[in-house]
N, C-alpha and C. Protein backbone atom coordinates (compact mmCIF):
# COMPACT_ATOMS: atom_id res chain seq x y z
N MET A 1 111.01 79.68 81.10
CA MET A 1 110.62 80.76 80.22
C MET A 1 109.42 81.49 80.83
N TYR A 2 109.48 82.79 80.84
CA TYR A 2 108.39 83.61 81.39
C TYR A 2 107.44 83.99 80.26
N LYS A 3 106.15 84.01 80.60
CA LYS A 3 105.14 84.23 79.58
C LYS A 3 104.55 85.64 79.71
N PRO A 4 104.17 86.23 78.59
CA PRO A 4 103.50 87.53 78.63
C PRO A 4 102.27 87.45 79.54
N GLY A 5 102.11 88.47 80.38
CA GLY A 5 100.97 88.49 81.28
C GLY A 5 101.27 87.98 82.68
N GLU A 6 102.46 87.40 82.88
CA GLU A 6 102.83 86.97 84.23
C GLU A 6 103.33 88.16 85.03
N VAL A 7 102.95 88.20 86.29
CA VAL A 7 103.48 89.20 87.20
C VAL A 7 104.57 88.51 88.01
N VAL A 8 105.77 89.08 87.98
CA VAL A 8 106.92 88.49 88.65
C VAL A 8 107.45 89.45 89.71
N LEU A 9 108.17 88.89 90.65
CA LEU A 9 108.90 89.69 91.63
C LEU A 9 110.34 89.69 91.16
N THR A 10 110.88 90.88 90.93
CA THR A 10 112.19 90.97 90.29
C THR A 10 113.03 92.12 90.82
N GLN A 11 114.30 92.05 90.57
CA GLN A 11 115.21 93.15 90.88
C GLN A 11 115.11 94.16 89.74
N ILE A 12 114.96 95.43 90.11
CA ILE A 12 114.88 96.50 89.10
C ILE A 12 115.76 97.65 89.55
N GLN A 13 116.56 98.17 88.61
CA GLN A 13 117.33 99.38 88.88
C GLN A 13 116.65 100.54 88.19
N PHE A 14 116.21 101.51 88.99
CA PHE A 14 115.54 102.67 88.44
C PHE A 14 116.57 103.66 87.91
N VAL A 15 116.16 104.51 86.97
CA VAL A 15 117.09 105.43 86.32
C VAL A 15 117.58 106.53 87.24
N ASP A 16 116.85 106.84 88.30
CA ASP A 16 117.23 107.95 89.17
C ASP A 16 118.08 107.54 90.37
N THR A 17 118.51 106.29 90.41
CA THR A 17 119.32 105.82 91.54
C THR A 17 120.16 104.62 91.11
N TYR A 18 121.23 104.36 91.82
CA TYR A 18 122.03 103.17 91.56
C TYR A 18 121.52 101.98 92.35
N GLU A 19 120.59 102.25 93.25
CA GLU A 19 120.05 101.20 94.11
C GLU A 19 119.18 100.24 93.30
N ILE A 20 119.31 98.96 93.59
CA ILE A 20 118.47 97.94 92.97
C ILE A 20 117.40 97.56 93.98
N LYS A 21 116.15 97.58 93.54
CA LYS A 21 115.03 97.30 94.42
C LYS A 21 114.28 96.06 93.94
N ILE A 22 113.67 95.36 94.87
CA ILE A 22 112.83 94.22 94.53
C ILE A 22 111.41 94.76 94.35
N ARG A 23 110.85 94.56 93.16
CA ARG A 23 109.54 95.10 92.82
C ARG A 23 108.76 94.11 91.94
N PRO A 24 107.43 94.20 91.99
CA PRO A 24 106.65 93.41 91.03
C PRO A 24 106.70 94.07 89.66
N ALA A 25 106.58 93.27 88.64
CA ALA A 25 106.59 93.78 87.27
C ALA A 25 105.80 92.82 86.39
N LEU A 26 105.26 93.38 85.31
CA LEU A 26 104.49 92.59 84.35
C LEU A 26 105.37 92.19 83.19
N VAL A 27 105.44 90.91 82.90
CA VAL A 27 106.22 90.42 81.76
C VAL A 27 105.47 90.76 80.47
N LEU A 28 106.16 91.48 79.58
CA LEU A 28 105.61 91.77 78.26
C LEU A 28 106.09 90.74 77.24
N PHE A 29 107.39 90.45 77.25
CA PHE A 29 107.92 89.35 76.45
C PHE A 29 109.34 89.02 76.89
N GLU A 30 109.77 87.81 76.53
CA GLU A 30 111.13 87.35 76.82
C GLU A 30 111.80 86.94 75.52
N GLU A 31 113.07 87.32 75.40
CA GLU A 31 113.83 86.94 74.21
C GLU A 31 115.30 86.88 74.58
N PHE A 32 115.96 85.78 74.26
CA PHE A 32 117.39 85.60 74.52
C PHE A 32 117.76 85.87 75.98
N ASP A 33 116.95 85.32 76.91
CA ASP A 33 117.18 85.45 78.36
C ASP A 33 117.04 86.87 78.89
N ASN A 34 116.53 87.78 78.07
CA ASN A 34 116.19 89.12 78.53
C ASN A 34 114.67 89.21 78.55
N ILE A 35 114.15 89.92 79.55
CA ILE A 35 112.71 90.06 79.70
C ILE A 35 112.38 91.55 79.71
N ILE A 36 111.42 91.92 78.89
CA ILE A 36 110.91 93.29 78.89
C ILE A 36 109.70 93.29 79.82
N VAL A 37 109.75 94.17 80.83
CA VAL A 37 108.69 94.23 81.83
C VAL A 37 108.18 95.66 81.97
N ALA A 38 106.95 95.75 82.45
CA ALA A 38 106.35 97.03 82.84
C ALA A 38 106.30 97.05 84.35
N GLY A 39 106.71 98.16 84.92
CA GLY A 39 106.71 98.29 86.37
C GLY A 39 105.31 98.34 86.94
N ILE A 40 105.20 97.92 88.18
CA ILE A 40 103.94 97.96 88.91
C ILE A 40 104.18 98.73 90.20
N THR A 41 103.28 99.65 90.52
CA THR A 41 103.40 100.45 91.73
C THR A 41 102.16 100.29 92.60
N SER A 42 102.34 100.38 93.90
CA SER A 42 101.19 100.37 94.80
C SER A 42 100.65 101.78 95.03
N ASN A 43 101.25 102.77 94.37
CA ASN A 43 100.76 104.14 94.44
C ASN A 43 99.59 104.27 93.47
N THR A 44 98.39 104.04 93.98
CA THR A 44 97.21 103.99 93.11
C THR A 44 96.77 105.36 92.60
N SER A 45 97.44 106.42 93.02
CA SER A 45 97.12 107.74 92.47
C SER A 45 97.84 107.98 91.14
N MET A 46 98.74 107.10 90.77
CA MET A 46 99.46 107.23 89.50
C MET A 46 98.60 106.72 88.36
N ASN A 47 98.86 107.23 87.16
CA ASN A 47 98.14 106.77 85.97
C ASN A 47 98.64 105.41 85.54
N GLY A 48 97.75 104.60 85.07
CA GLY A 48 98.10 103.28 84.58
C GLY A 48 96.90 102.36 84.61
N ILE A 49 97.16 101.09 84.49
CA ILE A 49 96.10 100.08 84.48
C ILE A 49 95.96 99.52 85.89
N GLU A 50 94.77 99.64 86.43
CA GLU A 50 94.53 99.18 87.80
C GLU A 50 94.70 97.67 87.90
N LEU A 51 95.25 97.24 89.04
CA LEU A 51 95.46 95.84 89.35
C LEU A 51 95.04 95.64 90.79
N SER A 52 94.06 94.80 91.03
CA SER A 52 93.49 94.67 92.37
C SER A 52 94.01 93.45 93.11
N ARG A 53 93.75 93.46 94.39
CA ARG A 53 94.09 92.30 95.22
C ARG A 53 93.29 91.08 94.76
N LYS A 54 92.07 91.28 94.31
CA LYS A 54 91.24 90.18 93.81
C LYS A 54 91.91 89.48 92.64
N GLU A 55 92.68 90.25 91.86
CA GLU A 55 93.35 89.70 90.68
C GLU A 55 94.66 88.99 91.03
N GLY A 56 95.11 89.15 92.29
CA GLY A 56 96.33 88.47 92.72
C GLY A 56 97.40 89.38 93.26
N ALA A 57 97.24 90.70 93.13
CA ALA A 57 98.24 91.64 93.63
C ALA A 57 98.26 91.61 95.16
N ILE A 58 99.43 91.83 95.74
CA ILE A 58 99.55 91.87 97.19
C ILE A 58 98.79 93.08 97.74
N LYS A 59 98.87 94.18 97.02
CA LYS A 59 98.13 95.42 97.34
C LYS A 59 97.48 95.89 96.06
N ASP A 60 96.41 96.68 96.19
CA ASP A 60 95.87 97.33 95.01
C ASP A 60 97.01 98.14 94.38
N SER A 61 97.15 98.02 93.08
CA SER A 61 98.33 98.57 92.39
C SER A 61 97.95 99.13 91.03
N VAL A 62 98.97 99.60 90.33
CA VAL A 62 98.81 100.15 88.98
C VAL A 62 99.96 99.63 88.11
N ILE A 63 99.61 99.11 86.93
CA ILE A 63 100.62 98.72 85.94
C ILE A 63 100.99 99.98 85.18
N LYS A 64 102.28 100.32 85.18
CA LYS A 64 102.78 101.54 84.56
C LYS A 64 103.42 101.21 83.20
N LEU A 65 102.69 101.46 82.13
CA LEU A 65 103.24 101.17 80.80
C LEU A 65 104.30 102.15 80.37
N ASN A 66 104.53 103.20 81.17
CA ASN A 66 105.63 104.12 80.86
C ASN A 66 106.86 103.81 81.70
N TYR A 67 106.83 102.77 82.53
CA TYR A 67 108.00 102.29 83.29
C TYR A 67 108.41 100.96 82.70
N LEU A 68 109.14 100.98 81.61
CA LEU A 68 109.57 99.75 80.95
C LEU A 68 111.03 99.48 81.27
N PHE A 69 111.34 98.22 81.52
CA PHE A 69 112.69 97.81 81.87
C PHE A 69 113.06 96.55 81.10
N THR A 70 114.33 96.42 80.79
CA THR A 70 114.87 95.16 80.29
C THR A 70 115.66 94.55 81.43
N ILE A 71 115.29 93.35 81.81
CA ILE A 71 115.97 92.66 82.90
C ILE A 71 116.46 91.30 82.42
N SER A 72 117.45 90.78 83.08
CA SER A 72 117.90 89.41 82.83
C SER A 72 116.95 88.47 83.56
N LYS A 73 116.68 87.31 82.98
CA LYS A 73 115.79 86.38 83.66
C LYS A 73 116.39 85.93 84.99
N MET A 74 117.69 86.09 85.17
CA MET A 74 118.34 85.75 86.44
C MET A 74 117.92 86.71 87.55
N MET A 75 117.36 87.87 87.21
CA MET A 75 116.95 88.86 88.21
C MET A 75 115.56 88.57 88.80
N VAL A 76 114.83 87.64 88.18
CA VAL A 76 113.49 87.31 88.65
C VAL A 76 113.59 86.39 89.85
N LYS A 77 112.91 86.79 90.92
CA LYS A 77 112.90 85.99 92.15
C LYS A 77 111.84 84.89 92.08
N LYS A 78 110.64 85.26 91.61
CA LYS A 78 109.57 84.27 91.48
C LYS A 78 108.41 84.86 90.69
N THR A 79 107.57 83.97 90.18
CA THR A 79 106.32 84.36 89.53
C THR A 79 105.26 84.48 90.60
N LEU A 80 104.51 85.58 90.58
CA LEU A 80 103.47 85.80 91.58
C LEU A 80 102.11 85.32 91.11
N PHE A 81 101.69 85.70 89.91
CA PHE A 81 100.41 85.29 89.35
C PHE A 81 100.37 85.70 87.89
N SER A 82 99.31 85.32 87.20
CA SER A 82 99.11 85.70 85.79
C SER A 82 97.86 86.55 85.66
N LEU A 83 97.91 87.49 84.74
CA LEU A 83 96.74 88.33 84.46
C LEU A 83 95.67 87.51 83.77
N SER A 84 94.43 87.93 83.95
CA SER A 84 93.32 87.32 83.23
C SER A 84 93.42 87.67 81.75
N LYS A 85 92.70 86.94 80.93
CA LYS A 85 92.69 87.20 79.49
C LYS A 85 92.20 88.63 79.21
N ASP A 86 91.16 89.06 79.94
CA ASP A 86 90.62 90.41 79.74
C ASP A 86 91.64 91.48 80.12
N LYS A 87 92.37 91.27 81.21
CA LYS A 87 93.36 92.26 81.66
C LYS A 87 94.53 92.30 80.67
N LYS A 88 94.94 91.15 80.15
CA LYS A 88 96.01 91.12 79.15
C LYS A 88 95.59 91.90 77.90
N LYS A 89 94.34 91.76 77.51
CA LYS A 89 93.84 92.50 76.34
C LYS A 89 93.87 93.99 76.62
N LEU A 90 93.49 94.40 77.82
CA LEU A 90 93.52 95.82 78.18
C LEU A 90 94.95 96.36 78.11
N VAL A 91 95.91 95.61 78.63
CA VAL A 91 97.32 96.02 78.56
C VAL A 91 97.75 96.14 77.10
N PHE A 92 97.41 95.15 76.29
CA PHE A 92 97.77 95.17 74.87
C PHE A 92 97.17 96.39 74.18
N ASP A 93 95.89 96.63 74.41
CA ASP A 93 95.21 97.75 73.76
C ASP A 93 95.83 99.09 74.16
N GLU A 94 96.09 99.27 75.44
CA GLU A 94 96.67 100.55 75.88
C GLU A 94 98.11 100.71 75.39
N PHE A 95 98.86 99.62 75.36
CA PHE A 95 100.24 99.71 74.90
C PHE A 95 100.29 100.01 73.41
N THR A 96 99.46 99.35 72.61
CA THR A 96 99.48 99.61 71.17
C THR A 96 98.97 101.02 70.87
N GLU A 97 98.08 101.54 71.70
CA GLU A 97 97.63 102.91 71.52
C GLU A 97 98.80 103.89 71.72
N LYS A 98 99.65 103.60 72.70
CA LYS A 98 100.82 104.45 72.94
C LYS A 98 101.83 104.36 71.78
N LEU A 99 101.88 103.22 71.13
CA LEU A 99 102.84 103.01 70.03
C LEU A 99 102.28 103.42 68.67
N ALA A 100 101.01 103.79 68.61
CA ALA A 100 100.36 104.09 67.33
C ALA A 100 101.07 105.18 66.54
N GLU A 101 101.72 106.11 67.22
CA GLU A 101 102.39 107.20 66.51
C GLU A 101 103.56 106.70 65.66
N LEU A 102 104.08 105.52 65.98
CA LEU A 102 105.16 104.97 65.16
C LEU A 102 104.70 104.66 63.74
N LYS A 103 103.43 104.42 63.56
CA LYS A 103 102.89 104.10 62.24
C LYS A 103 102.78 105.32 61.35
N GLU A 104 102.82 106.51 61.93
CA GLU A 104 102.61 107.73 61.15
C GLU A 104 103.86 108.13 60.40
């Protein structure tokens, strides 16, 4: 079982191509063998939550809360590392801020 806050290496199919790529992603939650993940990019000029090599990333990166995917747990190659408690809180806070309009 994958835990929220884990960064995994997984197969992801992007919407603009049929190609499946191996990419890091942040586990948001797992349910019924499906995992909801946020994409991670090494393009640090993109908007998102910064993720540094000090924190465990292979390269300085950005967690993209607008790149959400549902993947099968069979698509995960391995767990890379887990976010710190503070970084998980930052992800939670930014994600709930994006969802706040649902309450209106």
